[in-house]
């Protein structure tokens, strides 16, 4: 049986730390291959060309075979075949809601589930972290933060950018405490959760003070329990 792996970044990697690719190197290392095939999925950004360009600039520096998947300008003959031939699927940030709507229209959600079960590593930051959990905290422009249903490959909930956006931490802790969101994880920028077979294997970070927290409900609200994170640099 192939082990199932998900690596959820609060933020960071090539998207936010162009001079520090430690998290990206970590993701590649989990494949066990000398040159894994890593496919960037930038749906949440609307397949923004600059985002795709920055992915290639970063990953051409690393030992891998990079590609990207576009749903706005399809660059594949058969979507299922293209996805399942990858070793790693790396989902970028942007609008979680818009991304999931488009994925479901293309039936990519079902293909990702198949890829996950077959041992393809799923990774991503922000929207690319939200999507793997039962619930994620998302922030529309000019609106309050709210819970959004993800694909549910992982139980519970997640809040990316836990330290990077001032509204995130209090909104998430309040939602968990009130019971409007499931218990879960707050993940700082430059930190990541690595799950193996739906169990948290370890937390890692590329910045010394980046942290990960387990957010648990109690009678009078919620509390944060720090999870030790291995520093990658």
Protein backbone atom coordinates (compact mmCIF):
# COMPACT_ATOMS: atom_id res chain seq x y z
CA UNK A 1 0.00 0.00 0.00
CA UNK A 2 1.28 3.46 -0.91
CA UNK A 3 1.23 5.88 2.00
CA UNK A 4 -1.03 8.89 1.63
CA UNK A 5 0.65 12.26 2.21
CA UNK A 6 -0.59 15.83 2.51
CA UNK A 7 1.67 18.79 3.27
CA UNK A 8 -0.32 21.92 4.15
CA UNK A 9 1.54 25.24 4.33
CA UNK A 10 0.14 28.23 6.18
CA UNK A 11 2.11 30.40 3.78
CA UNK A 12 5.63 30.61 2.44
CA UNK A 13 7.48 28.51 -0.06
CA UNK A 14 8.28 30.03 -3.45
CA UNK A 15 5.06 32.06 -3.33
CA UNK A 16 6.21 34.18 -0.40
CA UNK A 17 9.89 33.39 0.27
CA UNK A 18 11.72 33.61 -3.03
CA UNK A 19 15.10 33.45 -1.29
CA UNK A 20 14.13 30.59 1.02
CA UNK A 21 12.88 27.44 -0.69
CA UNK A 22 13.28 25.17 2.35
CA UNK A 23 9.60 24.19 2.45
CA UNK A 24 9.59 23.46 -1.27
CA UNK A 25 12.70 21.30 -0.89
CA UNK A 26 11.01 19.47 1.97
CA UNK A 27 7.96 18.70 -0.16
CA UNK A 28 10.14 17.32 -2.96
CA UNK A 29 12.16 15.20 -0.52
CA UNK A 30 9.09 13.31 0.65
CA UNK A 31 8.64 11.65 -2.74
CA UNK A 32 11.75 9.52 -2.29
CA UNK A 33 12.69 10.20 -5.92
CA UNK A 34 15.78 11.93 -7.30
CA UNK A 35 13.72 14.07 -9.69
CA UNK A 36 10.03 13.89 -8.77
CA UNK A 37 7.41 15.19 -11.17
CA UNK A 38 5.82 18.18 -9.44
CA UNK A 39 2.77 19.87 -10.92
CA UNK A 40 1.69 23.35 -9.84
CA UNK A 41 -2.09 23.95 -9.76
CA UNK A 42 -2.72 27.74 -9.74
CA UNK A 43 -6.53 27.62 -10.11
CA UNK A 44 -7.17 29.75 -7.01
CA UNK A 45 -5.29 32.68 -8.57
CA UNK A 46 -7.14 32.36 -11.87
CA UNK A 47 -4.01 30.76 -13.36
CA UNK A 48 -2.20 34.08 -13.02
CA UNK A 49 0.72 34.03 -15.51
CA UNK A 50 3.16 35.72 -13.12
CA UNK A 51 2.41 33.12 -10.44
CA UNK A 52 3.11 30.30 -12.91
CA UNK A 53 6.31 32.03 -14.03
CA UNK A 54 7.54 32.32 -10.43
CA UNK A 55 6.83 28.62 -9.86
CA UNK A 56 9.03 27.63 -12.78
CA UNK A 57 11.78 30.08 -11.79
CA UNK A 58 11.90 28.52 -8.33
CA UNK A 59 11.51 24.86 -9.20
CA UNK A 60 14.00 24.92 -12.07
CA UNK A 61 16.54 25.53 -9.29
CA UNK A 62 15.48 22.32 -7.55
CA UNK A 63 15.93 18.62 -8.41
CA UNK A 64 12.56 17.92 -10.02
CA UNK A 65 10.56 17.90 -13.24
CA UNK A 66 8.13 20.83 -12.94
CA UNK A 67 4.89 21.35 -14.84
CA UNK A 68 1.62 23.17 -14.26
CA UNK A 69 -2.05 22.42 -14.72
CA UNK A 70 -4.25 25.11 -16.25
CA UNK A 71 -8.04 24.90 -16.29
CA UNK A 72 -8.46 28.37 -17.82
CA UNK A 73 -6.26 27.50 -20.81
CA UNK A 74 -6.24 23.68 -20.69
CA UNK A 75 -2.75 22.31 -21.37
CA UNK A 76 -3.54 18.60 -21.26
CA UNK A 77 -5.19 16.00 -23.50
CA UNK A 78 -6.75 13.95 -20.71
CA UNK A 79 -7.05 15.53 -17.27
CA UNK A 80 -7.09 12.30 -15.28
CA UNK A 81 -4.03 10.89 -17.04
CA UNK A 82 -2.13 14.15 -16.63
CA UNK A 83 -2.81 14.35 -12.90
CA UNK A 84 -2.18 10.71 -12.08
CA UNK A 85 1.23 10.68 -13.75
CA UNK A 86 2.54 13.27 -11.26
CA UNK A 87 4.47 12.53 -8.06
CA UNK A 88 3.47 15.78 -6.32
CA UNK A 89 0.55 18.15 -6.81
CA UNK A 90 1.26 21.63 -5.41
CA UNK A 91 -1.76 23.93 -5.10
CA UNK A 92 -1.26 27.69 -4.99
CA UNK A 93 -3.04 30.43 -3.08
CA UNK A 94 -5.96 32.67 -3.99
CA UNK A 95 -9.71 32.17 -3.76
CA UNK A 96 -10.58 28.85 -2.13
CA UNK A 97 -14.25 29.14 -3.11
CA UNK A 98 -13.63 29.89 -6.78
CA UNK A 99 -11.01 27.15 -6.98
CA UNK A 100 -13.30 24.47 -5.55
CA UNK A 101 -16.21 25.47 -7.80
CA UNK A 102 -14.02 25.10 -10.87
CA UNK A 103 -12.46 21.84 -9.65
CA UNK A 104 -15.89 20.33 -9.16
CA UNK A 105 -17.04 21.48 -12.59
CA UNK A 106 -14.06 19.70 -14.15
CA UNK A 107 -14.45 16.69 -11.79
CA UNK A 108 -10.90 17.40 -10.67
CA UNK A 109 -11.97 16.86 -7.05
CA UNK A 110 -12.63 13.19 -7.83
CA UNK A 111 -9.34 12.86 -9.70
CA UNK A 112 -7.44 14.39 -6.79
CA UNK A 113 -9.06 11.87 -4.45
CA UNK A 114 -7.90 9.07 -6.72
CA UNK A 115 -4.39 10.55 -6.90
CA UNK A 116 -4.23 10.81 -3.12
CA UNK A 117 -5.23 7.18 -2.67
CA UNK A 118 -2.62 6.10 -5.21
CA UNK A 119 0.24 7.82 -3.36
CA UNK A 120 0.58 11.14 -5.15
CA UNK A 121 1.69 13.76 -2.59
CA UNK A 122 -0.78 16.62 -2.16
CA UNK A 123 0.65 19.96 -1.06
CA UNK A 124 -0.16 23.64 -1.11
CA UNK A 125 -0.45 26.89 0.78
CA UNK A 126 -3.35 29.12 1.81
CA UNK A 127 -6.21 28.02 -0.48
CA UNK A 128 -3.93 25.08 -1.28
CA UNK A 129 -4.02 24.13 2.41
CA UNK A 130 -7.71 24.87 3.01
CA UNK A 131 -8.82 22.53 0.26
CA UNK A 132 -7.56 19.30 1.83
CA UNK A 133 -9.45 19.66 5.13
CA UNK A 134 -13.09 19.23 6.02
CA UNK A 135 -13.18 22.98 6.67
CA UNK A 136 -10.90 25.96 6.10
CA UNK A 137 -10.99 29.62 7.05
CA UNK A 138 -11.13 31.90 4.02
CA UNK A 139 -11.22 35.67 3.56
CA UNK A 140 -13.10 37.29 0.69
CA UNK A 141 -12.14 40.82 -0.32
CA UNK A 142 -14.01 43.45 1.68
CA UNK A 143 -15.85 40.84 3.72
CA UNK A 144 -15.64 38.93 7.01
CA UNK A 145 -13.71 35.70 7.29
CA UNK A 146 -15.84 32.56 7.15
CA UNK A 147 -15.62 28.78 7.11
CA UNK A 148 -15.64 26.98 3.79
CA UNK A 149 -16.05 23.26 3.12
CA UNK A 150 -12.95 21.66 1.63
CA UNK A 151 -12.53 18.26 0.00
CA UNK A 152 -12.44 16.51 3.36
CA UNK A 153 -9.38 14.35 2.76
CA UNK A 154 -8.30 15.43 6.26
CA UNK A 155 -10.69 15.72 9.23
CA UNK A 156 -11.18 18.93 11.18
CA UNK A 157 -10.32 22.44 10.08
CA UNK A 158 -7.37 24.66 9.27
CA UNK A 159 -6.49 28.34 9.31
CA UNK A 160 -3.54 29.35 7.10
CA UNK A 161 -1.69 32.67 7.53
CA UNK A 162 -2.29 32.31 11.28
CA UNK A 163 0.30 34.98 12.08
CA UNK A 164 0.39 36.69 8.69
CA UNK A 165 -3.02 38.40 8.61
CA UNK A 166 -4.20 40.09 11.79
CA UNK A 167 -7.86 39.03 11.50
CA UNK A 168 -7.10 35.34 11.03
CA UNK A 169 -6.08 34.20 14.50
CA UNK A 170 -8.91 35.81 16.52
CA UNK A 171 -11.56 34.85 13.94
CA UNK A 172 -10.48 31.21 13.86
CA UNK A 173 -10.11 30.79 17.62
CA UNK A 174 -13.53 32.40 18.10
CA UNK A 175 -15.15 30.16 15.47
CA UNK A 176 -13.74 26.99 17.01
CA UNK A 177 -14.70 28.13 20.49
CA UNK A 178 -18.27 28.87 19.43
CA UNK A 179 -18.55 25.57 17.58
CA UNK A 180 -19.13 27.15 14.15
CA UNK A 181 -15.91 25.50 12.96
CA UNK A 182 -14.44 22.15 13.81
CA UNK A 183 -11.33 21.87 15.96
CA UNK A 184 -8.17 22.02 13.92
CA UNK A 185 -4.89 23.78 13.23
CA UNK A 186 -3.61 27.33 13.01
CA UNK A 187 -0.58 27.43 10.71
CA UNK A 188 1.76 30.41 10.56
CA UNK A 189 3.35 31.65 7.36
CA UNK A 190 6.60 29.71 6.76
CA UNK A 191 5.22 26.67 8.63
CA UNK A 192 3.61 23.46 7.43
CA UNK A 193 1.78 20.37 8.64
CA UNK A 194 2.78 17.00 7.19
CA UNK A 195 0.11 14.31 7.37
CA UNK A 196 0.70 10.64 6.60
CA UNK A 197 -2.37 8.43 6.24
CA UNK A 198 -4.54 11.22 7.72
CA UNK A 199 -2.42 11.43 10.89
CA UNK A 200 -0.15 14.38 11.69
CA UNK A 201 3.39 13.10 11.21
CA UNK A 202 5.26 16.31 11.96
CA UNK A 203 5.26 20.08 11.68
CA UNK A 204 8.11 21.90 9.94
CA UNK A 205 9.08 25.54 9.42
CA UNK A 206 11.47 27.58 7.29
CA UNK A 207 11.57 30.55 9.70
CA UNK A 208 12.68 30.06 13.30
CA UNK A 209 9.72 31.77 14.94
CA UNK A 210 7.07 30.26 12.65
CA UNK A 211 4.71 28.01 14.58
CA UNK A 212 1.78 25.62 14.34
CA UNK A 213 -1.04 25.30 16.86
CA UNK A 214 -3.74 22.77 17.63
CA UNK A 215 -6.91 24.77 18.30
CA UNK A 216 -9.19 22.88 20.69
CA UNK A 217 -12.62 23.67 22.06
CA UNK A 218 -13.36 23.88 25.77
CA UNK A 219 -16.34 24.99 27.84
CA UNK A 220 -15.49 28.69 27.83
CA UNK A 221 -14.16 28.96 24.27
CA UNK A 222 -11.05 27.58 22.61
CA UNK A 223 -7.38 27.32 23.49
CA UNK A 224 -4.17 27.05 21.49
CA UNK A 225 -1.76 24.17 22.01
CA UNK A 226 1.62 24.72 20.35
CA UNK A 227 2.96 21.89 18.19
CA UNK A 228 6.78 21.67 18.01
CA UNK A 229 7.98 22.40 14.48
CA UNK A 230 11.28 21.17 13.04
CA UNK A 231 13.34 24.04 11.64
CA UNK A 232 14.46 23.17 8.13
CA UNK A 233 17.28 25.68 7.70
